[in-house]
Amino acid sequence: MKRILKISCLLLMVFGALNAAQAQKFGYVNSSAILADMAEVKQMEANLEALQKQLQKKGQSMVEQLQQDYAAVQQKAASGDLSPKQQEEEAKKLEDQQAEIAKFEQDMVKQLQEKRNKELQPILEKVNQAITDVAKENGLQFIFDEGVILYADESMDVANLVKAKLGL
């Protein structure tokens, strides 16, 4: 009797494991390609490019001003219009301008990165929600990003379903 019970339990476990293995469904997407196709991403990139050009223009004008100030100080020093103390003061002003330009460049990079992250967050949430919806609608337990998969059958690619969900 115990032997029959053990065999029955063993068979139940084997068939249960087989059913569980067969029931799992997987899919994958290329999230980068999906993002590249989205109008929101293209608009975000255009906005960032416009902001970058605006900030670069401001930085360029700061550099040009520094160059003009440097040339003026050089000219005054060459003509003897500046005392040694005045030359030190002017050199300090030029160093301060140069430090201001360096800080502006760092702030520019930080500002662009923060704006990109802020604008990208809702887009990523929208894509993730679409992926979740596709998984639930199609009974998928896992959806992987193509970038982390070494090989997958093309029939498991659900990117077109996600794109359809996003209206692309």
N, C-alpha and C. Protein backbone atom coordinates (compact mmCIF):
# COMPACT_ATOMS: atom_id res chain seq x y z
N MET A 1 0.82 -1.18 0.00
CA MET A 1 0.00 0.00 0.00
C MET A 1 0.87 1.26 0.00
N LYS A 2 1.88 1.24 0.87
CA LYS A 2 2.79 2.38 0.93
C LYS A 2 3.52 2.56 -0.40
N ARG A 3 3.84 1.42 -0.99
CA ARG A 3 4.55 1.46 -2.26
C ARG A 3 3.67 2.11 -3.34
N ILE A 4 2.42 1.78 -3.39
CA ILE A 4 1.49 2.35 -4.37
C ILE A 4 1.33 3.84 -4.10
N LEU A 5 1.28 4.22 -2.85
CA LEU A 5 1.15 5.64 -2.49
C LEU A 5 2.40 6.42 -2.93
N LYS A 6 3.57 5.84 -2.71
CA LYS A 6 4.81 6.49 -3.14
C LYS A 6 4.86 6.65 -4.65
N ILE A 7 4.49 5.60 -5.36
CA ILE A 7 4.49 5.65 -6.83
C ILE A 7 3.48 6.69 -7.32
N SER A 8 2.33 6.73 -6.70
CA SER A 8 1.30 7.71 -7.08
C SER A 8 1.80 9.13 -6.86
N CYS A 9 2.42 9.36 -5.72
CA CYS A 9 2.96 10.71 -5.43
C CYS A 9 4.05 11.08 -6.43
N LEU A 10 4.90 10.11 -6.74
CA LEU A 10 5.98 10.35 -7.69
C LEU A 10 5.41 10.68 -9.08
N LEU A 11 4.40 9.93 -9.51
CA LEU A 11 3.78 10.20 -10.80
C LEU A 11 3.10 11.57 -10.82
N LEU A 12 2.45 11.93 -9.74
CA LEU A 12 1.81 13.25 -9.66
C LEU A 12 2.85 14.37 -9.77
N MET A 13 3.98 14.18 -9.10
CA MET A 13 5.03 15.20 -9.16
C MET A 13 5.60 15.30 -10.56
N VAL A 14 5.84 14.18 -11.21
CA VAL A 14 6.39 14.19 -12.56
C VAL A 14 5.43 14.85 -13.53
N PHE A 15 4.16 14.45 -13.50
CA PHE A 15 3.18 15.03 -14.41
C PHE A 15 2.93 16.50 -14.09
N GLY A 16 2.97 16.84 -12.81
CA GLY A 16 2.81 18.24 -12.41
C GLY A 16 3.95 19.10 -12.93
N ALA A 17 5.16 18.57 -12.85
CA ALA A 17 6.32 19.31 -13.35
C ALA A 17 6.26 19.45 -14.87
N LEU A 18 5.83 18.40 -15.55
CA LEU A 18 5.70 18.47 -17.00
C LEU A 18 4.64 19.50 -17.41
N ASN A 19 3.53 19.50 -16.72
CA ASN A 19 2.48 20.47 -17.02
C ASN A 19 2.96 21.90 -16.76
N ALA A 20 3.68 22.07 -15.66
CA ALA A 20 4.18 23.41 -15.34
C ALA A 20 5.17 23.87 -16.39
N ALA A 21 6.03 22.96 -16.84
CA ALA A 21 7.01 23.33 -17.86
C ALA A 21 6.34 23.64 -19.18
N GLN A 22 5.31 22.88 -19.51
CA GLN A 22 4.62 23.12 -20.77
C GLN A 22 3.75 24.36 -20.71
N ALA A 23 3.28 24.73 -19.54
CA ALA A 23 2.35 25.85 -19.41
C ALA A 23 3.06 27.20 -19.50
N GLN A 24 4.34 27.21 -19.24
CA GLN A 24 5.04 28.49 -19.28
C GLN A 24 5.21 28.96 -20.72
N LYS A 25 4.86 30.22 -20.92
CA LYS A 25 4.99 30.80 -22.25
C LYS A 25 5.89 32.02 -22.15
N PHE A 26 6.75 32.15 -23.13
CA PHE A 26 7.73 33.23 -23.15
C PHE A 26 7.55 34.08 -24.39
N GLY A 27 8.06 35.28 -24.33
CA GLY A 27 8.11 36.15 -25.48
C GLY A 27 9.28 37.11 -25.33
N TYR A 28 9.58 37.82 -26.38
CA TYR A 28 10.63 38.82 -26.30
C TYR A 28 10.29 40.00 -27.18
N VAL A 29 10.90 41.13 -26.87
CA VAL A 29 10.72 42.35 -27.65
C VAL A 29 12.07 43.04 -27.79
N ASN A 30 12.18 43.89 -28.78
CA ASN A 30 13.33 44.77 -28.92
C ASN A 30 12.85 46.15 -28.48
N SER A 31 13.03 46.44 -27.20
CA SER A 31 12.48 47.68 -26.65
C SER A 31 13.13 48.91 -27.27
N SER A 32 14.38 48.81 -27.67
CA SER A 32 15.04 49.95 -28.31
C SER A 32 14.38 50.29 -29.64
N ALA A 33 14.03 49.26 -30.40
CA ALA A 33 13.37 49.49 -31.69
C ALA A 33 11.98 50.07 -31.49
N ILE A 34 11.29 49.60 -30.47
CA ILE A 34 9.96 50.13 -30.17
C ILE A 34 10.06 51.60 -29.81
N LEU A 35 11.01 51.93 -28.94
CA LEU A 35 11.20 53.34 -28.55
C LEU A 35 11.57 54.20 -29.75
N ALA A 36 12.41 53.67 -30.63
CA ALA A 36 12.84 54.44 -31.80
C ALA A 36 11.67 54.75 -32.74
N ASP A 37 10.65 53.90 -32.73
CA ASP A 37 9.49 54.11 -33.60
C ASP A 37 8.45 55.06 -33.00
N MET A 38 8.61 55.41 -31.74
CA MET A 38 7.58 56.22 -31.07
C MET A 38 7.75 57.70 -31.38
N ALA A 39 6.64 58.35 -31.70
CA ALA A 39 6.66 59.78 -31.99
C ALA A 39 7.07 60.58 -30.76
N GLU A 40 6.69 60.10 -29.57
CA GLU A 40 7.05 60.80 -28.33
C GLU A 40 8.56 60.87 -28.15
N VAL A 41 9.25 59.79 -28.52
CA VAL A 41 10.71 59.76 -28.38
C VAL A 41 11.34 60.71 -29.40
N LYS A 42 10.81 60.71 -30.61
CA LYS A 42 11.34 61.61 -31.63
C LYS A 42 11.14 63.07 -31.22
N GLN A 43 9.99 63.38 -30.63
CA GLN A 43 9.73 64.74 -30.16
C GLN A 43 10.66 65.09 -29.00
N MET A 44 10.87 64.14 -28.09
CA MET A 44 11.77 64.37 -26.96
C MET A 44 13.18 64.66 -27.46
N GLU A 45 13.64 63.88 -28.44
CA GLU A 45 14.99 64.08 -28.98
C GLU A 45 15.10 65.44 -29.67
N ALA A 46 14.06 65.86 -30.36
CA ALA A 46 14.07 67.17 -31.02
C ALA A 46 14.12 68.28 -29.97
N ASN A 47 13.35 68.13 -28.89
CA ASN A 47 13.36 69.12 -27.81
C ASN A 47 14.74 69.21 -27.16
N LEU A 48 15.34 68.05 -26.91
CA LEU A 48 16.67 68.03 -26.29
C LEU A 48 17.72 68.64 -27.21
N GLU A 49 17.61 68.37 -28.49
CA GLU A 49 18.57 68.93 -29.45
C GLU A 49 18.44 70.45 -29.50
N ALA A 50 17.21 70.95 -29.47
CA ALA A 50 16.99 72.40 -29.49
C ALA A 50 17.57 73.04 -28.22
N LEU A 51 17.33 72.40 -27.07
CA LEU A 51 17.87 72.92 -25.82
C LEU A 51 19.39 72.88 -25.83
N GLN A 52 19.96 71.80 -26.36
CA GLN A 52 21.41 71.68 -26.43
C GLN A 52 22.01 72.78 -27.30
N LYS A 53 21.39 73.05 -28.44
CA LYS A 53 21.89 74.11 -29.32
C LYS A 53 21.81 75.46 -28.63
N GLN A 54 20.72 75.70 -27.92
CA GLN A 54 20.55 76.96 -27.20
C GLN A 54 21.64 77.12 -26.13
N LEU A 55 21.88 76.06 -25.38
CA LEU A 55 22.90 76.11 -24.33
C LEU A 55 24.30 76.24 -24.93
N GLN A 56 24.55 75.55 -26.03
CA GLN A 56 25.86 75.65 -26.69
C GLN A 56 26.09 77.06 -27.21
N LYS A 57 25.05 77.68 -27.71
CA LYS A 57 25.17 79.05 -28.21
C LYS A 57 25.54 79.99 -27.06
N LYS A 58 24.90 79.79 -25.92
CA LYS A 58 25.22 80.62 -24.75
C LYS A 58 26.67 80.37 -24.31
N GLY A 59 27.08 79.10 -24.30
CA GLY A 59 28.45 78.77 -23.92
C GLY A 59 29.46 79.36 -24.89
N GLN A 60 29.13 79.32 -26.18
CA GLN A 60 30.02 79.89 -27.19
C GLN A 60 30.17 81.40 -27.00
N SER A 61 29.07 82.07 -26.66
CA SER A 61 29.17 83.52 -26.44
C SER A 61 30.01 83.82 -25.20
N MET A 62 29.95 82.94 -24.20
CA MET A 62 30.80 83.12 -23.01
C MET A 62 32.27 82.97 -23.38
N VAL A 63 32.57 81.99 -24.22
CA VAL A 63 33.96 81.77 -24.66
C VAL A 63 34.45 82.95 -25.49
N GLU A 64 33.60 83.44 -26.39
CA GLU A 64 33.98 84.60 -27.21
C GLU A 64 34.24 85.82 -26.34
N GLN A 65 33.43 86.02 -25.31
CA GLN A 65 33.63 87.15 -24.40
C GLN A 65 34.96 87.01 -23.67
N LEU A 66 35.28 85.80 -23.24
CA LEU A 66 36.55 85.55 -22.57
C LEU A 66 37.71 85.87 -23.52
N GLN A 67 37.61 85.44 -24.76
CA GLN A 67 38.66 85.71 -25.73
C GLN A 67 38.84 87.21 -25.96
N GLN A 68 37.74 87.94 -26.04
CA GLN A 68 37.81 89.39 -26.23
C GLN A 68 38.45 90.06 -25.01
N ASP A 69 38.03 89.64 -23.82
CA ASP A 69 38.60 90.21 -22.60
C ASP A 69 40.08 89.91 -22.49
N TYR A 70 40.46 88.69 -22.87
CA TYR A 70 41.87 88.31 -22.83
C TYR A 70 42.68 89.17 -23.80
N ALA A 71 42.17 89.36 -25.00
CA ALA A 71 42.87 90.18 -26.00
C ALA A 71 43.01 91.62 -25.51
N ALA A 72 41.96 92.13 -24.87
CA ALA A 72 42.01 93.51 -24.36
C ALA A 72 43.06 93.64 -23.26
N VAL A 73 43.12 92.65 -22.37
CA VAL A 73 44.11 92.69 -21.29
C VAL A 73 45.51 92.58 -21.88
N GLN A 74 45.71 91.71 -22.86
CA GLN A 74 47.01 91.57 -23.51
C GLN A 74 47.45 92.88 -24.15
N GLN A 75 46.51 93.53 -24.81
CA GLN A 75 46.83 94.79 -25.48
C GLN A 75 47.21 95.87 -24.46
N LYS A 76 46.45 95.97 -23.37
CA LYS A 76 46.75 96.97 -22.34
C LYS A 76 48.09 96.68 -21.68
N ALA A 77 48.37 95.40 -21.44
CA ALA A 77 49.63 95.03 -20.80
C ALA A 77 50.81 95.33 -21.73
N ALA A 78 50.64 95.09 -23.02
CA ALA A 78 51.72 95.34 -23.98
C ALA A 78 52.00 96.83 -24.13
N SER A 79 50.95 97.64 -24.02
CA SER A 79 51.14 99.08 -24.17
C SER A 79 51.57 99.75 -22.87
N GLY A 80 51.61 98.97 -21.78
CA GLY A 80 52.06 99.53 -20.51
C GLY A 80 50.97 100.27 -19.76
N ASP A 81 49.70 100.09 -20.13
CA ASP A 81 48.60 100.78 -19.47
C ASP A 81 48.20 100.13 -18.14
N LEU A 82 48.72 98.95 -17.85
CA LEU A 82 48.35 98.25 -16.62
C LEU A 82 49.57 98.11 -15.70
N SER A 83 49.35 98.42 -14.44
CA SER A 83 50.40 98.21 -13.45
C SER A 83 50.44 96.71 -13.12
N PRO A 84 51.50 96.25 -12.49
CA PRO A 84 51.56 94.82 -12.14
C PRO A 84 50.36 94.38 -11.29
N LYS A 85 49.92 95.24 -10.38
CA LYS A 85 48.76 94.90 -9.54
C LYS A 85 47.50 94.79 -10.40
N GLN A 86 47.33 95.69 -11.35
CA GLN A 86 46.16 95.66 -12.24
C GLN A 86 46.21 94.42 -13.14
N GLN A 87 47.43 94.05 -13.56
CA GLN A 87 47.57 92.83 -14.37
C GLN A 87 47.11 91.60 -13.58
N GLU A 88 47.48 91.55 -12.29
CA GLU A 88 47.05 90.44 -11.44
C GLU A 88 45.53 90.41 -11.30
N GLU A 89 44.93 91.59 -11.12
CA GLU A 89 43.48 91.68 -10.98
C GLU A 89 42.78 91.22 -12.26
N GLU A 90 43.31 91.66 -13.39
CA GLU A 90 42.72 91.27 -14.67
C GLU A 90 42.89 89.76 -14.92
N ALA A 91 44.06 89.24 -14.56
CA ALA A 91 44.31 87.80 -14.71
C ALA A 91 43.33 87.00 -13.84
N LYS A 92 43.07 87.50 -12.65
CA LYS A 92 42.11 86.84 -11.74
C LYS A 92 40.71 86.86 -12.35
N LYS A 93 40.32 87.99 -12.95
CA LYS A 93 39.00 88.09 -13.59
C LYS A 93 38.88 87.08 -14.74
N LEU A 94 39.96 86.96 -15.51
CA LEU A 94 39.96 86.01 -16.62
C LEU A 94 39.86 84.56 -16.13
N GLU A 95 40.57 84.26 -15.04
CA GLU A 95 40.49 82.92 -14.46
C GLU A 95 39.08 82.64 -13.96
N ASP A 96 38.45 83.64 -13.34
CA ASP A 96 37.08 83.48 -12.87
C ASP A 96 36.12 83.23 -14.03
N GLN A 97 36.33 83.95 -15.14
CA GLN A 97 35.50 83.74 -16.32
C GLN A 97 35.68 82.32 -16.86
N GLN A 98 36.92 81.87 -16.87
CA GLN A 98 37.21 80.52 -17.37
C GLN A 98 36.55 79.47 -16.47
N ALA A 99 36.60 79.68 -15.16
CA ALA A 99 35.96 78.75 -14.22
C ALA A 99 34.44 78.76 -14.40
N GLU A 100 33.89 79.94 -14.67
CA GLU A 100 32.45 80.06 -14.91
C GLU A 100 32.04 79.28 -16.16
N ILE A 101 32.87 79.34 -17.18
CA ILE A 101 32.59 78.60 -18.42
C ILE A 101 32.63 77.10 -18.15
N ALA A 102 33.63 76.65 -17.40
CA ALA A 102 33.74 75.22 -17.08
C ALA A 102 32.53 74.75 -16.28
N LYS A 103 32.09 75.56 -15.32
CA LYS A 103 30.91 75.22 -14.52
C LYS A 103 29.67 75.20 -15.40
N PHE A 104 29.57 76.15 -16.32
CA PHE A 104 28.42 76.19 -17.22
C PHE A 104 28.35 74.91 -18.05
N GLU A 105 29.50 74.45 -18.54
CA GLU A 105 29.54 73.23 -19.36
C GLU A 105 29.07 72.02 -18.54
N GLN A 106 29.53 71.93 -17.29
CA GLN A 106 29.11 70.83 -16.43
C GLN A 106 27.61 70.90 -16.16
N ASP A 107 27.12 72.10 -15.85
CA ASP A 107 25.69 72.29 -15.59
C ASP A 107 24.86 71.98 -16.83
N MET A 108 25.39 72.30 -18.00
CA MET A 108 24.69 72.04 -19.25
C MET A 108 24.48 70.53 -19.43
N VAL A 109 25.53 69.76 -19.22
CA VAL A 109 25.44 68.30 -19.36
C VAL A 109 24.43 67.75 -18.35
N LYS A 110 24.51 68.24 -17.12
CA LYS A 110 23.60 67.78 -16.07
C LYS A 110 22.16 68.15 -16.42
N GLN A 111 21.93 69.36 -16.87
CA GLN A 111 20.59 69.82 -17.22
C GLN A 111 20.00 68.99 -18.36
N LEU A 112 20.80 68.72 -19.37
CA LEU A 112 20.33 67.91 -20.50
C LEU A 112 19.99 66.49 -20.06
N GLN A 113 20.82 65.92 -19.20
CA GLN A 113 20.57 64.56 -18.72
C GLN A 113 19.30 64.50 -17.87
N GLU A 114 19.12 65.50 -16.99
CA GLU A 114 17.92 65.53 -16.15
C GLU A 114 16.66 65.69 -17.00
N LYS A 115 16.73 66.56 -18.00
CA LYS A 115 15.56 66.77 -18.87
C LYS A 115 15.25 65.49 -19.65
N ARG A 116 16.29 64.83 -20.12
CA ARG A 116 16.09 63.58 -20.87
C ARG A 116 15.42 62.53 -19.98
N ASN A 117 15.93 62.38 -18.76
CA ASN A 117 15.35 61.40 -17.84
C ASN A 117 13.90 61.74 -17.51
N LYS A 118 13.63 63.02 -17.29
CA LYS A 118 12.28 63.47 -16.93
C LYS A 118 11.30 63.20 -18.07
N GLU A 119 11.70 63.48 -19.28
CA GLU A 119 10.82 63.27 -20.43
C GLU A 119 10.72 61.80 -20.83
N LEU A 120 11.76 61.03 -20.58
CA LEU A 120 11.77 59.62 -20.98
C LEU A 120 10.97 58.74 -20.02
N GLN A 121 10.89 59.13 -18.76
CA GLN A 121 10.23 58.30 -17.75
C GLN A 121 8.79 57.93 -18.12
N PRO A 122 7.92 58.90 -18.46
CA PRO A 122 6.55 58.50 -18.81
C PRO A 122 6.47 57.66 -20.09
N ILE A 123 7.40 57.86 -21.00
CA ILE A 123 7.42 57.06 -22.23
C ILE A 123 7.76 55.61 -21.89
N LEU A 124 8.76 55.42 -21.03
CA LEU A 124 9.14 54.07 -20.62
C LEU A 124 8.00 53.39 -19.88
N GLU A 125 7.30 54.15 -19.04
CA GLU A 125 6.16 53.59 -18.32
C GLU A 125 5.07 53.15 -19.29
N LYS A 126 4.85 53.93 -20.32
CA LYS A 126 3.85 53.60 -21.34
C LYS A 126 4.23 52.30 -22.06
N VAL A 127 5.49 52.17 -22.44
CA VAL A 127 5.97 50.96 -23.12
C VAL A 127 5.86 49.76 -22.19
N ASN A 128 6.29 49.93 -20.94
CA ASN A 128 6.22 48.82 -19.98
C ASN A 128 4.77 48.38 -19.76
N GLN A 129 3.86 49.34 -19.70
CA GLN A 129 2.45 48.99 -19.53
C GLN A 129 1.94 48.22 -20.74
N ALA A 130 2.34 48.64 -21.93
CA ALA A 130 1.93 47.92 -23.14
C ALA A 130 2.49 46.50 -23.15
N ILE A 131 3.72 46.33 -22.72
CA ILE A 131 4.32 45.00 -22.64
C ILE A 131 3.57 44.14 -21.64
N THR A 132 3.24 44.72 -20.49
CA THR A 132 2.47 44.00 -19.47
C THR A 132 1.11 43.58 -20.01
N ASP A 133 0.44 44.50 -20.69
CA ASP A 133 -0.88 44.20 -21.26
C ASP A 133 -0.80 43.07 -22.28
N VAL A 134 0.20 43.12 -23.15
CA VAL A 134 0.38 42.06 -24.16
C VAL A 134 0.64 40.72 -23.48
N ALA A 135 1.46 40.73 -22.44
CA ALA A 135 1.76 39.48 -21.72
C ALA A 135 0.48 38.89 -21.12
N LYS A 136 -0.31 39.73 -20.49
CA LYS A 136 -1.54 39.23 -19.86
C LYS A 136 -2.55 38.76 -20.91
N GLU A 137 -2.69 39.51 -21.99
CA GLU A 137 -3.65 39.15 -23.03
C GLU A 137 -3.29 37.86 -23.75
N ASN A 138 -2.00 37.55 -23.81
CA ASN A 138 -1.54 36.37 -24.55
C ASN A 138 -1.07 35.23 -23.63
N GLY A 139 -1.31 35.37 -22.35
CA GLY A 139 -0.95 34.32 -21.40
C GLY A 139 0.54 34.06 -21.28
N LEU A 140 1.34 35.09 -21.43
CA LEU A 140 2.80 34.95 -21.33
C LEU A 140 3.24 35.19 -19.89
N GLN A 141 4.10 34.31 -19.38
CA GLN A 141 4.62 34.49 -18.03
C GLN A 141 5.85 35.41 -18.03
N PHE A 142 6.60 35.40 -19.11
CA PHE A 142 7.82 36.19 -19.20
C PHE A 142 7.92 36.86 -20.56
N ILE A 143 8.36 38.11 -20.56
CA ILE A 143 8.75 38.78 -21.79
C ILE A 143 10.14 39.36 -21.53
N PHE A 144 11.08 38.95 -22.35
CA PHE A 144 12.46 39.39 -22.21
C PHE A 144 12.78 40.46 -23.25
N ASP A 145 13.81 41.25 -22.96
CA ASP A 145 14.30 42.19 -23.96
C ASP A 145 15.29 41.45 -24.84
N GLU A 146 15.21 41.71 -26.12
CA GLU A 146 16.05 41.02 -27.10
C GLU A 146 17.54 41.19 -26.80
N GLY A 147 17.91 42.28 -26.17
CA GLY A 147 19.31 42.56 -25.89
C GLY A 147 19.95 41.58 -24.93
N VAL A 148 19.15 40.85 -24.14
CA VAL A 148 19.72 39.92 -23.16
C VAL A 148 19.54 38.46 -23.59
N ILE A 149 19.03 38.25 -24.79
CA ILE A 149 18.78 36.89 -25.27
C ILE A 149 19.83 36.53 -26.32
N LEU A 150 20.43 35.37 -26.14
CA LEU A 150 21.41 34.91 -27.12
C LEU A 150 20.73 34.32 -28.34
N TYR A 151 19.63 33.60 -28.12
CA TYR A 151 18.88 33.04 -29.24
C TYR A 151 17.43 32.90 -28.81
N ALA A 152 16.54 33.20 -29.75
CA ALA A 152 15.11 32.97 -29.54
C ALA A 152 14.46 32.78 -30.90
N ASP A 153 13.51 31.89 -30.95
CA ASP A 153 12.76 31.66 -32.18
C ASP A 153 11.95 32.91 -32.50
N GLU A 154 11.92 33.29 -33.75
CA GLU A 154 11.21 34.51 -34.16
C GLU A 154 9.73 34.46 -33.84
N SER A 155 9.19 33.27 -33.71
CA SER A 155 7.76 33.16 -33.39
C SER A 155 7.45 33.66 -31.99
N MET A 156 8.48 33.82 -31.17
CA MET A 156 8.28 34.31 -29.80
C MET A 156 8.40 35.83 -29.71
N ASP A 157 8.69 36.48 -30.81
CA ASP A 157 8.82 37.94 -30.83
C ASP A 157 7.42 38.56 -30.76
N VAL A 158 7.17 39.30 -29.69
CA VAL A 158 5.86 39.93 -29.50
C VAL A 158 5.94 41.45 -29.70
N ALA A 159 7.02 41.90 -30.32
CA ALA A 159 7.21 43.35 -30.52
C ALA A 159 6.07 43.95 -31.34
N ASN A 160 5.61 43.23 -32.36
CA ASN A 160 4.52 43.77 -33.19
C ASN A 160 3.23 43.92 -32.39
N LEU A 161 3.00 43.01 -31.45
CA LEU A 161 1.82 43.12 -30.59
C LEU A 161 1.93 44.35 -29.69
N VAL A 162 3.14 44.58 -29.16
CA VAL A 162 3.37 45.75 -28.30
C VAL A 162 3.21 47.02 -29.12
N LYS A 163 3.78 47.03 -30.33
CA LYS A 163 3.65 48.21 -31.20
C LYS A 163 2.18 48.48 -31.51
N ALA A 164 1.42 47.44 -31.76
CA ALA A 164 -0.01 47.61 -32.04
C ALA A 164 -0.72 48.18 -30.82
N LYS A 165 -0.33 47.72 -29.64
CA LYS A 165 -0.93 48.21 -28.40
C LYS A 165 -0.61 49.70 -28.22
N LEU A 166 0.57 50.11 -28.67
CA LEU A 166 0.98 51.52 -28.56
C LEU A 166 0.46 52.36 -29.73
N GLY A 167 -0.12 51.72 -30.71
CA GLY A 167 -0.64 52.44 -31.86
C GLY A 167 0.42 52.82 -32.87
N LEU A 168 1.49 52.05 -32.93
CA LEU A 168 2.59 52.34 -33.87
C LEU A 168 2.41 51.56 -35.15
